[in-house]
PDB file of all heavy atoms in Angstrom:
ATOM      1  N   VAL A   1       0.855  -1.195   0.000  1.00  0.00           N
ATOM      2  CA  VAL A   1       0.000   0.000   0.000  1.00  0.00           C
ATOM      3  C   VAL A   1       0.888   1.240   0.000  1.00  0.00           C
ATOM      4  O   VAL A   1       1.747   1.401   0.870  1.00  0.00           O
ATOM      5  CB  VAL A   1      -0.940   0.021   1.222  1.00  0.00           C
ATOM      6  CG1 VAL A   1      -1.761   1.309   1.234  1.00  0.00           C
ATOM      7  CG2 VAL A   1      -1.847  -1.193   1.215  1.00  0.00           C
ATOM      8  N   GLU A   2       0.700   2.110  -0.985  1.00  0.00           N
ATOM      9  CA  GLU A   2       1.488   3.328  -1.097  1.00  0.00           C
ATOM     10  C   GLU A   2       0.805   4.490  -0.376  1.00  0.00           C
ATOM     11  O   GLU A   2      -0.405   4.451  -0.105  1.00  0.00           O
ATOM     12  CB  GLU A   2       1.689   3.693  -2.576  1.00  0.00           C
ATOM     13  CG  GLU A   2       2.353   2.618  -3.407  1.00  0.00           C
ATOM     14  CD  GLU A   2       3.820   2.409  -3.011  1.00  0.00           C
ATOM     15  OE1 GLU A   2       4.431   3.373  -2.490  1.00  0.00           O
ATOM     16  OE2 GLU A   2       4.337   1.305  -3.224  1.00  0.00           O
ATOM     17  N   ALA A   3       1.595   5.532  -0.095  1.00  0.00           N
ATOM     18  CA  ALA A   3       1.047   6.730   0.552  1.00  0.00           C
ATOM     19  C   ALA A   3      -0.061   7.345  -0.289  1.00  0.00           C
ATOM     20  O   ALA A   3      -1.050   7.860   0.235  1.00  0.00           O
ATOM     21  CB  ALA A   3       2.162   7.751   0.798  1.00  0.00           C
ATOM     22  N   ALA A   4       0.090   7.276  -1.619  1.00  0.00           N
ATOM     23  CA  ALA A   4      -0.930   7.838  -2.516  1.00  0.00           C
ATOM     24  C   ALA A   4      -2.262   7.098  -2.369  1.00  0.00           C
ATOM     25  O   ALA A   4      -3.332   7.701  -2.458  1.00  0.00           O
ATOM     26  CB  ALA A   4      -0.447   7.753  -3.964  1.00  0.00           C
ATOM     27  N   ASP A   5      -2.209   5.797  -2.115  1.00  0.00           N
ATOM     28  CA  ASP A   5      -3.433   5.012  -1.909  1.00  0.00           C
ATOM     29  C   ASP A   5      -4.143   5.441  -0.632  1.00  0.00           C
ATOM     30  O   ASP A   5      -5.370   5.594  -0.608  1.00  0.00           O
ATOM     31  CB  ASP A   5      -3.103   3.517  -1.833  1.00  0.00           C
ATOM     32  CG  ASP A   5      -2.462   2.997  -3.103  1.00  0.00           C
ATOM     33  OD1 ASP A   5      -2.861   3.478  -4.183  1.00  0.00           O
ATOM     34  OD2 ASP A   5      -1.577   2.133  -3.013  1.00  0.00           O
ATOM     35  N   ILE A   6      -3.370   5.651   0.426  1.00  0.00           N
ATOM     36  CA  ILE A   6      -3.948   6.079   1.709  1.00  0.00           C
ATOM     37  C   ILE A   6      -4.507   7.495   1.580  1.00  0.00           C
ATOM     38  O   ILE A   6      -5.546   7.823   2.160  1.00  0.00           O
ATOM     39  CB  ILE A   6      -2.893   5.999   2.831  1.00  0.00           C
ATOM     40  CG1 ILE A   6      -2.359   4.577   2.948  1.00  0.00           C
ATOM     41  CG2 ILE A   6      -3.489   6.446   4.169  1.00  0.00           C
ATOM     42  CD1 ILE A   6      -1.222   4.416   3.936  1.00  0.00           C
ATOM     43  N   GLN A   7      -3.813   8.330   0.774  1.00  0.00           N
ATOM     44  CA  GLN A   7      -4.297   9.697   0.548  1.00  0.00           C
ATOM     45  C   GLN A   7      -5.671   9.668  -0.130  1.00  0.00           C
ATOM     46  O   GLN A   7      -6.568  10.446   0.233  1.00  0.00           O
ATOM     47  CB  GLN A   7      -3.304  10.456  -0.334  1.00  0.00           C
ATOM     48  CG  GLN A   7      -3.694  11.898  -0.610  1.00  0.00           C
ATOM     49  CD  GLN A   7      -3.626  12.766   0.637  1.00  0.00           C
ATOM     50  OE1 GLN A   7      -2.594  12.872   1.277  1.00  0.00           O
ATOM     51  NE2 GLN A   7      -4.752  13.377   1.004  1.00  0.00           N
ATOM     52  N   LEU A   8      -5.848   8.782  -1.091  1.00  0.00           N
ATOM     53  CA  LEU A   8      -7.151   8.652  -1.751  1.00  0.00           C
ATOM     54  C   LEU A   8      -8.232   8.215  -0.764  1.00  0.00           C
ATOM     55  O   LEU A   8      -9.359   8.710  -0.792  1.00  0.00           O
ATOM     56  CB  LEU A   8      -7.058   7.658  -2.913  1.00  0.00           C
ATOM     57  CG  LEU A   8      -6.305   8.130  -4.167  1.00  0.00           C
ATOM     58  CD1 LEU A   8      -6.162   6.985  -5.171  1.00  0.00           C
ATOM     59  CD2 LEU A   8      -7.023   9.315  -4.801  1.00  0.00           C
ATOM     60  N   MET A   9      -7.881   7.281   0.112  1.00  0.00           N
ATOM     61  CA  MET A   9      -8.831   6.829   1.137  1.00  0.00           C
ATOM     62  C   MET A   9      -9.224   7.992   2.051  1.00  0.00           C
ATOM     63  O   MET A   9     -10.404   8.189   2.364  1.00  0.00           O
ATOM     64  CB  MET A   9      -8.199   5.719   1.994  1.00  0.00           C
ATOM     65  CG  MET A   9      -7.820   4.454   1.258  1.00  0.00           C
ATOM     66  SD  MET A   9      -6.951   3.307   2.373  1.00  0.00           S
ATOM     67  CE  MET A   9      -6.327   2.091   1.210  1.00  0.00           C
ATOM     68  N   LEU A  10      -8.216   8.750   2.484  1.00  0.00           N
ATOM     69  CA  LEU A  10      -8.473   9.878   3.384  1.00  0.00           C
ATOM     70  C   LEU A  10      -9.318  10.939   2.687  1.00  0.00           C
ATOM     71  O   LEU A  10     -10.257  11.489   3.291  1.00  0.00           O
ATOM     72  CB  LEU A  10      -7.147  10.482   3.856  1.00  0.00           C
ATOM     73  CG  LEU A  10      -7.250  11.686   4.805  1.00  0.00           C
ATOM     74  CD1 LEU A  10      -7.991  11.308   6.089  1.00  0.00           C
ATOM     75  CD2 LEU A  10      -5.871  12.249   5.125  1.00  0.00           C
ATOM     76  N   ASN A  11      -9.000  11.231   1.411  1.00  0.00           N
ATOM     77  CA  ASN A  11      -9.772  12.233   0.676  1.00  0.00           C
ATOM     78  C   ASN A  11     -11.241  11.837   0.564  1.00  0.00           C
ATOM     79  O   ASN A  11     -12.133  12.678   0.700  1.00  0.00           O
ATOM     80  CB  ASN A  11      -9.188  12.413  -0.729  1.00  0.00           C
ATOM     81  CG  ASN A  11      -7.842  13.138  -0.705  1.00  0.00           C
ATOM     82  OD1 ASN A  11      -7.479  13.737   0.306  1.00  0.00           O
ATOM     83  ND2 ASN A  11      -7.115  13.056  -1.804  1.00  0.00           N
ATOM     84  N   GLU A  12     -11.494  10.559   0.322  1.00  0.00           N
ATOM     85  CA  GLU A  12     -12.871  10.072   0.225  1.00  0.00           C
ATOM     86  C   GLU A  12     -13.612  10.263   1.546  1.00  0.00           C
ATOM     87  O   GLU A  12     -14.755  10.720   1.572  1.00  0.00           O
ATOM     88  CB  GLU A  12     -12.860   8.594  -0.173  1.00  0.00           C
ATOM     89  CG  GLU A  12     -14.259   8.001  -0.322  1.00  0.00           C
ATOM     90  CD  GLU A  12     -14.219   6.521  -0.642  1.00  0.00           C
ATOM     91  OE1 GLU A  12     -13.133   6.012  -1.023  1.00  0.00           O
ATOM     92  OE2 GLU A  12     -15.262   5.858  -0.495  1.00  0.00           O
ATOM     93  N   ASN A  13     -12.944   9.945   2.644  1.00  0.00           N
ATOM     94  CA  ASN A  13     -13.557  10.111   3.961  1.00  0.00           C
ATOM     95  C   ASN A  13     -13.779  11.582   4.293  1.00  0.00           C
ATOM     96  O   ASN A  13     -14.827  11.953   4.842  1.00  0.00           O
ATOM     97  CB  ASN A  13     -12.682   9.456   5.047  1.00  0.00           C
ATOM     98  CG  ASN A  13     -12.862   7.954   5.114  1.00  0.00           C
ATOM     99  OD1 ASN A  13     -13.758   7.455   5.795  1.00  0.00           O
ATOM    100  ND2 ASN A  13     -12.029   7.230   4.401  1.00  0.00           N
ATOM    101  N   LEU A  14     -12.797  12.418   3.971  1.00  0.00           N
ATOM    102  CA  LEU A  14     -12.915  13.845   4.279  1.00  0.00           C
ATOM    103  C   LEU A  14     -14.029  14.507   3.480  1.00  0.00           C
ATOM    104  O   LEU A  14     -14.695  15.425   3.981  1.00  0.00           O
ATOM    105  CB  LEU A  14     -11.584  14.560   4.010  1.00  0.00           C
ATOM    106  CG  LEU A  14     -10.458  14.258   5.002  1.00  0.00           C
ATOM    107  CD1 LEU A  14      -9.176  14.984   4.590  1.00  0.00           C
ATOM    108  CD2 LEU A  14     -10.847  14.663   6.421  1.00  0.00           C
ATOM    109  N   LEU A  15     -14.259  14.056   2.244  1.00  0.00           N
ATOM    110  CA  LEU A  15     -15.344  14.611   1.437  1.00  0.00           C
ATOM    111  C   LEU A  15     -16.696  14.312   2.085  1.00  0.00           C
ATOM    112  O   LEU A  15     -17.567  15.189   2.171  1.00  0.00           O
ATOM    113  CB  LEU A  15     -15.301  14.035   0.026  1.00  0.00           C
ATOM    114  CG  LEU A  15     -16.413  14.500  -0.925  1.00  0.00           C
ATOM    115  CD1 LEU A  15     -16.368  16.008  -1.112  1.00  0.00           C
ATOM    116  CD2 LEU A  15     -16.306  13.781  -2.269  1.00  0.00           C
ATOM    117  N   GLU A  16     -16.887  13.096   2.558  1.00  0.00           N
ATOM    118  CA  GLU A  16     -18.133  12.730   3.238  1.00  0.00           C
ATOM    119  C   GLU A  16     -18.318  13.551   4.508  1.00  0.00           C
ATOM    120  O   GLU A  16     -19.412  14.055   4.797  1.00  0.00           O
ATOM    121  CB  GLU A  16     -18.118  11.237   3.579  1.00  0.00           C
ATOM    122  CG  GLU A  16     -18.112  10.326   2.367  1.00  0.00           C
ATOM    123  CD  GLU A  16     -17.994   8.861   2.752  1.00  0.00           C
ATOM    124  OE1 GLU A  16     -18.015   8.556   3.973  1.00  0.00           O
ATOM    125  OE2 GLU A  16     -17.892   8.014   1.853  1.00  0.00           O
ATOM    126  N   ILE A  17     -17.229  13.684   5.270  1.00  0.00           N
ATOM    127  CA  ILE A  17     -17.296  14.426   6.536  1.00  0.00           C
ATOM    128  C   ILE A  17     -17.577  15.900   6.277  1.00  0.00           C
ATOM    129  O   ILE A  17     -18.363  16.529   6.993  1.00  0.00           O
ATOM    130  CB  ILE A  17     -15.978  14.256   7.322  1.00  0.00           C
ATOM    131  CG1 ILE A  17     -15.800  12.793   7.747  1.00  0.00           C
ATOM    132  CG2 ILE A  17     -15.958  15.161   8.552  1.00  0.00           C
ATOM    133  CD1 ILE A  17     -14.417  12.473   8.295  1.00  0.00           C
ATOM    134  N   ALA A  18     -16.960  16.469   5.239  1.00  0.00           N
ATOM    135  CA  ALA A  18     -17.141  17.896   4.942  1.00  0.00           C
ATOM    136  C   ALA A  18     -18.590  18.210   4.609  1.00  0.00           C
ATOM    137  O   ALA A  18     -19.139  19.234   5.050  1.00  0.00           O
ATOM    138  CB  ALA A  18     -16.231  18.305   3.791  1.00  0.00           C
ATOM    139  N   SER A  19     -19.250  17.356   3.828  1.00  0.00           N
ATOM    140  CA  SER A  19     -20.654  17.579   3.486  1.00  0.00           C
ATOM    141  C   SER A  19     -21.522  17.591   4.735  1.00  0.00           C
ATOM    142  O   SER A  19     -22.396  18.452   4.903  1.00  0.00           O
ATOM    143  CB  SER A  19     -21.145  16.492   2.521  1.00  0.00           C
ATOM    144  OG  SER A  19     -20.439  16.553   1.304  1.00  0.00           O
ATOM    145  N   LEU A  20     -21.268  16.638   5.618  1.00  0.00           N
ATOM    146  CA  LEU A  20     -22.018  16.556   6.871  1.00  0.00           C
ATOM    147  C   LEU A  20     -21.734  17.772   7.753  1.00  0.00           C
ATOM    148  O   LEU A  20     -22.649  18.405   8.287  1.00  0.00           O
ATOM    149  CB  LEU A  20     -21.638  15.263   7.607  1.00  0.00           C
ATOM    150  CG  LEU A  20     -22.253  15.052   8.986  1.00  0.00           C
ATOM    151  CD1 LEU A  20     -23.745  14.824   8.878  1.00  0.00           C
ATOM    152  CD2 LEU A  20     -21.597  13.864   9.688  1.00  0.00           C
ATOM    153  N   TRP A  21     -20.481  18.115   7.873  1.00  0.00           N
ATOM    154  CA  TRP A  21     -20.050  19.220   8.734  1.00  0.00           C
ATOM    155  C   TRP A  21     -20.666  20.547   8.293  1.00  0.00           C
ATOM    156  O   TRP A  21     -21.214  21.288   9.108  1.00  0.00           O
ATOM    157  CB  TRP A  21     -18.518  19.321   8.665  1.00  0.00           C
ATOM    158  CG  TRP A  21     -17.833  19.204   9.979  1.00  0.00           C
ATOM    159  CD1 TRP A  21     -17.744  18.105  10.766  1.00  0.00           C
ATOM    160  CD2 TRP A  21     -17.118  20.239  10.660  1.00  0.00           C
ATOM    161  NE1 TRP A  21     -17.007  18.378  11.878  1.00  0.00           N
ATOM    162  CE2 TRP A  21     -16.614  19.679  11.842  1.00  0.00           C
ATOM    163  CE3 TRP A  21     -16.848  21.577  10.367  1.00  0.00           C
ATOM    164  CZ2 TRP A  21     -15.856  20.414  12.749  1.00  0.00           C
ATOM    165  CZ3 TRP A  21     -16.101  22.304  11.273  1.00  0.00           C
ATOM    166  CH2 TRP A  21     -15.610  21.725  12.449  1.00  0.00           C
ATOM    167  N   LEU A  22     -20.546  20.859   7.018  1.00  0.00           N
ATOM    168  CA  LEU A  22     -21.027  22.140   6.514  1.00  0.00           C
ATOM    169  C   LEU A  22     -22.542  22.259   6.643  1.00  0.00           C
ATOM    170  O   LEU A  22     -23.069  23.331   6.969  1.00  0.00           O
ATOM    171  CB  LEU A  22     -20.595  22.330   5.059  1.00  0.00           C
ATOM    172  CG  LEU A  22     -19.098  22.556   4.839  1.00  0.00           C
ATOM    173  CD1 LEU A  22     -18.749  22.508   3.364  1.00  0.00           C
ATOM    174  CD2 LEU A  22     -18.654  23.881   5.445  1.00  0.00           C
ATOM    175  N   PHE A  23     -23.248  21.164   6.393  1.00  0.00           N
ATOM    176  CA  PHE A  23     -24.701  21.187   6.545  1.00  0.00           C
ATOM    177  C   PHE A  23     -25.080  21.461   7.996  1.00  0.00           C
ATOM    178  O   PHE A  23     -25.920  22.321   8.279  1.00  0.00           O
ATOM    179  CB  PHE A  23     -25.300  19.858   6.084  1.00  0.00           C
ATOM    180  CG  PHE A  23     -26.803  19.807   6.215  1.00  0.00           C
ATOM    181  CD1 PHE A  23     -27.607  20.226   5.174  1.00  0.00           C
ATOM    182  CD2 PHE A  23     -27.403  19.364   7.382  1.00  0.00           C
ATOM    183  CE1 PHE A  23     -28.995  20.193   5.288  1.00  0.00           C
ATOM    184  CE2 PHE A  23     -28.778  19.323   7.515  1.00  0.00           C
ATOM    185  CZ  PHE A  23     -29.573  19.742   6.470  1.00  0.00           C
ATOM    186  N   LEU A  24     -24.460  20.732   8.918  1.00  0.00           N
ATOM    187  CA  LEU A  24     -24.773  20.914  10.340  1.00  0.00           C
ATOM    188  C   LEU A  24     -24.390  22.312  10.813  1.00  0.00           C
ATOM    189  O   LEU A  24     -25.104  22.931  11.604  1.00  0.00           O
ATOM    190  CB  LEU A  24     -24.048  19.857  11.175  1.00  0.00           C
ATOM    191  CG  LEU A  24     -24.561  18.419  11.027  1.00  0.00           C
ATOM    192  CD1 LEU A  24     -23.654  17.462  11.805  1.00  0.00           C
ATOM    193  CD2 LEU A  24     -25.989  18.305  11.519  1.00  0.00           C
ATOM    194  N   MET A  25     -23.259  22.813  10.348  1.00  0.00           N
ATOM    195  CA  MET A  25     -22.827  24.155  10.728  1.00  0.00           C
ATOM    196  C   MET A  25     -23.850  25.207  10.320  1.00  0.00           C
ATOM    197  O   MET A  25     -24.199  26.103  11.100  1.00  0.00           O
ATOM    198  CB  MET A  25     -21.463  24.454  10.091  1.00  0.00           C
ATOM    199  CG  MET A  25     -20.876  25.822  10.427  1.00  0.00           C
ATOM    200  SD  MET A  25     -21.414  27.132   9.276  1.00  0.00           S
ATOM    201  CE  MET A  25     -20.623  26.600   7.769  1.00  0.00           C
ATOM    202  N   ALA A  26     -24.376  25.088   9.097  1.00  0.00           N
ATOM    203  CA  ALA A  26     -25.367  26.048   8.613  1.00  0.00           C
ATOM    204  C   ALA A  26     -26.653  25.963   9.428  1.00  0.00           C
ATOM    205  O   ALA A  26     -27.204  26.984   9.863  1.00  0.00           O
ATOM    206  CB  ALA A  26     -25.649  25.794   7.133  1.00  0.00           C
ATOM    207  N   ALA A  27     -27.151  24.745   9.644  1.00  0.00           N
ATOM    208  CA  ALA A  27     -28.396  24.570  10.396  1.00  0.00           C
ATOM    209  C   ALA A  27     -28.251  25.054  11.831  1.00  0.00           C
ATOM    210  O   ALA A  27     -29.137  25.728  12.380  1.00  0.00           O
ATOM    211  CB  ALA A  27     -28.816  23.094  10.368  1.00  0.00           C
ATOM    212  N   MET A  28     -27.127  24.737  12.457  1.00  0.00           N
ATOM    213  CA  MET A  28     -26.909  25.123  13.866  1.00  0.00           C
ATOM    214  C   MET A  28     -26.746  26.631  14.012  1.00  0.00           C
ATOM    215  O   MET A  28     -27.098  27.202  15.050  1.00  0.00           O
ATOM    216  CB  MET A  28     -25.693  24.370  14.423  1.00  0.00           C
ATOM    217  CG  MET A  28     -25.928  22.868  14.550  1.00  0.00           C
ATOM    218  SD  MET A  28     -24.407  21.912  14.820  1.00  0.00           S
ATOM    219  CE  MET A  28     -24.095  22.233  16.546  1.00  0.00           C
ATOM    220  N   THR A  29     -26.216  27.295  12.989  1.00  0.00           N
ATOM    221  CA  THR A  29     -26.070  28.747  13.050  1.00  0.00           C
ATOM    222  C   THR A  29     -27.433  29.425  13.029  1.00  0.00           C
ATOM    223  O   THR A  29     -27.679  30.394  13.766  1.00  0.00           O
ATOM    224  CB  THR A  29     -25.206  29.251  11.876  1.00  0.00           C
ATOM    225  OG1 THR A  29     -23.943  28.592  11.896  1.00  0.00           O
ATOM    226  CG2 THR A  29     -24.980  30.756  11.982  1.00  0.00           C
ATOM    227  N   PHE A  30     -28.326  28.942  12.177  1.00  0.00           N
ATOM    228  CA  PHE A  30     -29.700  29.450  12.172  1.00  0.00           C
ATOM    229  C   PHE A  30     -30.325  29.331  13.562  1.00  0.00           C
ATOM    230  O   PHE A  30     -30.905  30.288  14.091  1.00  0.00           O
ATOM    231  CB  PHE A  30     -30.553  28.656  11.172  1.00  0.00           C
ATOM    232  CG  PHE A  30     -30.608  29.246   9.801  1.00  0.00           C
ATOM    233  CD1 PHE A  30     -30.057  28.577   8.729  1.00  0.00           C
ATOM    234  CD2 PHE A  30     -31.230  30.467   9.575  1.00  0.00           C
ATOM    235  CE1 PHE A  30     -30.112  29.105   7.449  1.00  0.00           C
ATOM    236  CE2 PHE A  30     -31.298  31.014   8.303  1.00  0.00           C
ATOM    237  CZ  PHE A  30     -30.730  30.328   7.230  1.00  0.00           C
ATOM    238  N   VAL A  31     -30.215  28.158  14.159  1.00  0.00           N
ATOM    239  CA  VAL A  31     -30.838  27.901  15.459  1.00  0.00           C
ATOM    240  C   VAL A  31     -30.182  28.752  16.545  1.00  0.00           C
ATOM    241  O   VAL A  31     -30.863  29.240  17.459  1.00  0.00           O
ATOM    242  CB  VAL A  31     -30.761  26.402  15.805  1.00  0.00           C
ATOM    243  CG1 VAL A  31     -31.283  26.146  17.215  1.00  0.00           C
ATOM    244  CG2 VAL A  31     -31.552  25.586  14.804  1.00  0.00           C
ATOM    245  N   ALA A  32     -28.868  28.943  16.462  1.00  0.00           N
ATOM    246  CA  ALA A  32     -28.174  29.786  17.444  1.00  0.00           C
ATOM    247  C   ALA A  32     -28.721  31.211  17.413  1.00  0.00           C
ATOM    248  O   ALA A  32     -28.909  31.845  18.461  1.00  0.00           O
ATOM    249  CB  ALA A  32     -26.670  29.786  17.158  1.00  0.00           C
ATOM    250  N   TYR A  33     -28.991  31.718  16.222  1.00  0.00           N
ATOM    251  CA  TYR A  33     -29.563  33.069  16.097  1.00  0.00           C
ATOM    252  C   TYR A  33     -30.960  33.122  16.718  1.00  0.00           C
ATOM    253  O   TYR A  33     -31.278  34.017  17.503  1.00  0.00           O
ATOM    254  CB  TYR A  33     -29.629  33.478  14.627  1.00  0.00           C
ATOM    255  CG  TYR A  33     -30.330  34.810  14.429  1.00  0.00           C
ATOM    256  CD1 TYR A  33     -29.621  36.009  14.496  1.00  0.00           C
ATOM    257  CD2 TYR A  33     -31.705  34.870  14.227  1.00  0.00           C
ATOM    258  CE1 TYR A  33     -30.262  37.218  14.352  1.00  0.00           C
ATOM    259  CE2 TYR A  33     -32.353  36.081  14.084  1.00  0.00           C
ATOM    260  CZ  TYR A  33     -31.628  37.259  14.146  1.00  0.00           C
ATOM    261  OH  TYR A  33     -32.281  38.461  14.023  1.00  0.00           O
ATOM    262  N   LEU A  34     -31.812  32.169  16.352  1.00  0.00           N
ATOM    263  CA  LEU A  34     -33.187  32.156  16.853  1.00  0.00           C
ATOM    264  C   LEU A  34     -33.219  32.021  18.377  1.00  0.00           C
ATOM    265  O   LEU A  34     -34.038  32.642  19.049  1.00  0.00           O
ATOM    266  CB  LEU A  34     -33.966  31.011  16.201  1.00  0.00           C
ATOM    267  CG  LEU A  34     -34.106  31.082  14.680  1.00  0.00           C
ATOM    268  CD1 LEU A  34     -34.813  29.847  14.144  1.00  0.00           C
ATOM    269  CD2 LEU A  34     -34.863  32.344  14.265  1.00  0.00           C
ATOM    270  N   ASN A  35     -32.306  31.224  18.911  1.00  0.00           N
ATOM    271  CA  ASN A  35     -32.228  31.060  20.369  1.00  0.00           C
ATOM    272  C   ASN A  35     -31.791  32.342  21.047  1.00  0.00           C
ATOM    273  O   ASN A  35     -32.341  32.757  22.067  1.00  0.00           O
ATOM    274  CB  ASN A  35     -31.236  29.946  20.709  1.00  0.00           C
ATOM    275  CG  ASN A  35     -31.911  28.781  21.400  1.00  0.00           C
ATOM    276  OD1 ASN A  35     -33.064  28.860  21.814  1.00  0.00           O
ATOM    277  ND2 ASN A  35     -31.195  27.683  21.530  1.00  0.00           N
ATOM    278  N   HIS A  36     -30.776  32.987  20.481  1.00  0.00           N
ATOM    279  CA  HIS A  36     -30.220  34.203  21.091  1.00  0.00           C
ATOM    280  C   HIS A  36     -31.269  35.304  21.190  1.00  0.00           C
ATOM    281  O   HIS A  36     -31.307  36.062  22.161  1.00  0.00           O
ATOM    282  CB  HIS A  36     -29.032  34.684  20.263  1.00  0.00           C
ATOM    283  CG  HIS A  36     -28.446  35.987  20.733  1.00  0.00           C
ATOM    284  ND1 HIS A  36     -27.752  36.109  21.920  1.00  0.00           N
ATOM    285  CD2 HIS A  36     -28.473  37.222  20.181  1.00  0.00           C
ATOM    286  CE1 HIS A  36     -27.371  37.363  22.077  1.00  0.00           C
ATOM    287  NE2 HIS A  36     -27.790  38.065  21.030  1.00  0.00           N
ATOM    288  N   HIS A  37     -32.148  35.378  20.215  1.00  0.00           N
ATOM    289  CA  HIS A  37     -33.163  36.432  20.196  1.00  0.00           C
ATOM    290  C   HIS A  37     -34.484  36.006  20.822  1.00  0.00           C
ATOM    291  O   HIS A  37     -35.462  36.752  20.761  1.00  0.00           O
ATOM    292  CB  HIS A  37     -33.390  36.907  18.754  1.00  0.00           C
ATOM    293  CG  HIS A  37     -32.241  37.727  18.236  1.00  0.00           C
ATOM    294  ND1 HIS A  37     -32.134  39.083  18.440  1.00  0.00           N
ATOM    295  CD2 HIS A  37     -31.120  37.368  17.572  1.00  0.00           C
ATOM    296  CE1 HIS A  37     -31.008  39.530  17.901  1.00  0.00           C
ATOM    297  NE2 HIS A  37     -30.376  38.500  17.363  1.00  0.00           N
ATOM    298  N   GLY A  38     -34.506  34.824  21.421  1.00  0.00           N
ATOM    299  CA  GLY A  38     -35.700  34.379  22.138  1.00  0.00           C
ATOM    300  C   GLY A  38     -36.885  34.073  21.252  1.00  0.00           C
ATOM    301  O   GLY A  38     -38.017  33.983  21.737  1.00  0.00           O
ATOM    302  N   LEU A  39     -36.647  33.904  19.942  1.00  0.00           N
ATOM    303  CA  LEU A  39     -37.768  33.663  19.029  1.00  0.00           C
ATOM    304  C   LEU A  39     -38.399  32.297  19.259  1.00  0.00           C
ATOM    305  O   LEU A  39     -39.611  32.131  19.117  1.00  0.00           O
ATOM    306  CB  LEU A  39     -37.290  33.788  17.583  1.00  0.00           C
ATOM    307  CG  LEU A  39     -36.919  35.213  17.155  1.00  0.00           C
ATOM    308  CD1 LEU A  39     -36.135  35.186  15.856  1.00  0.00           C
ATOM    309  CD2 LEU A  39     -38.164  36.058  16.992  1.00  0.00           C
ATOM    310  N   ILE A  40     -37.584  31.324  19.626  1.00  0.00           N
ATOM    311  CA  ILE A  40     -38.115  29.988  19.897  1.00  0.00           C
ATOM    312  C   ILE A  40     -38.966  30.014  21.160  1.00  0.00           C
ATOM    313  O   ILE A  40     -40.075  29.468  21.207  1.00  0.00           O
ATOM    314  CB  ILE A  40     -36.965  28.968  20.034  1.00  0.00           C
ATOM    315  CG1 ILE A  40     -36.200  28.862  18.708  1.00  0.00           C
ATOM    316  CG2 ILE A  40     -37.501  27.609  20.455  1.00  0.00           C
ATOM    317  CD1 ILE A  40     -34.920  28.074  18.791  1.00  0.00           C
TER     318      ILE A  40
END
C-alpha cells in the first residue's frame, strides 16, 4: 500500500465528513440566532 493510496482513502472520507459538517454548521447557526433572540 502506497502513501498515494492512503491519501485517496483519506480524501474520500474527508469529502463525506465535509458535506455533513457544513450542513450541520449552517443549520446550527440558524438555530443559534433564533435562540439568542428568544424567538423559539
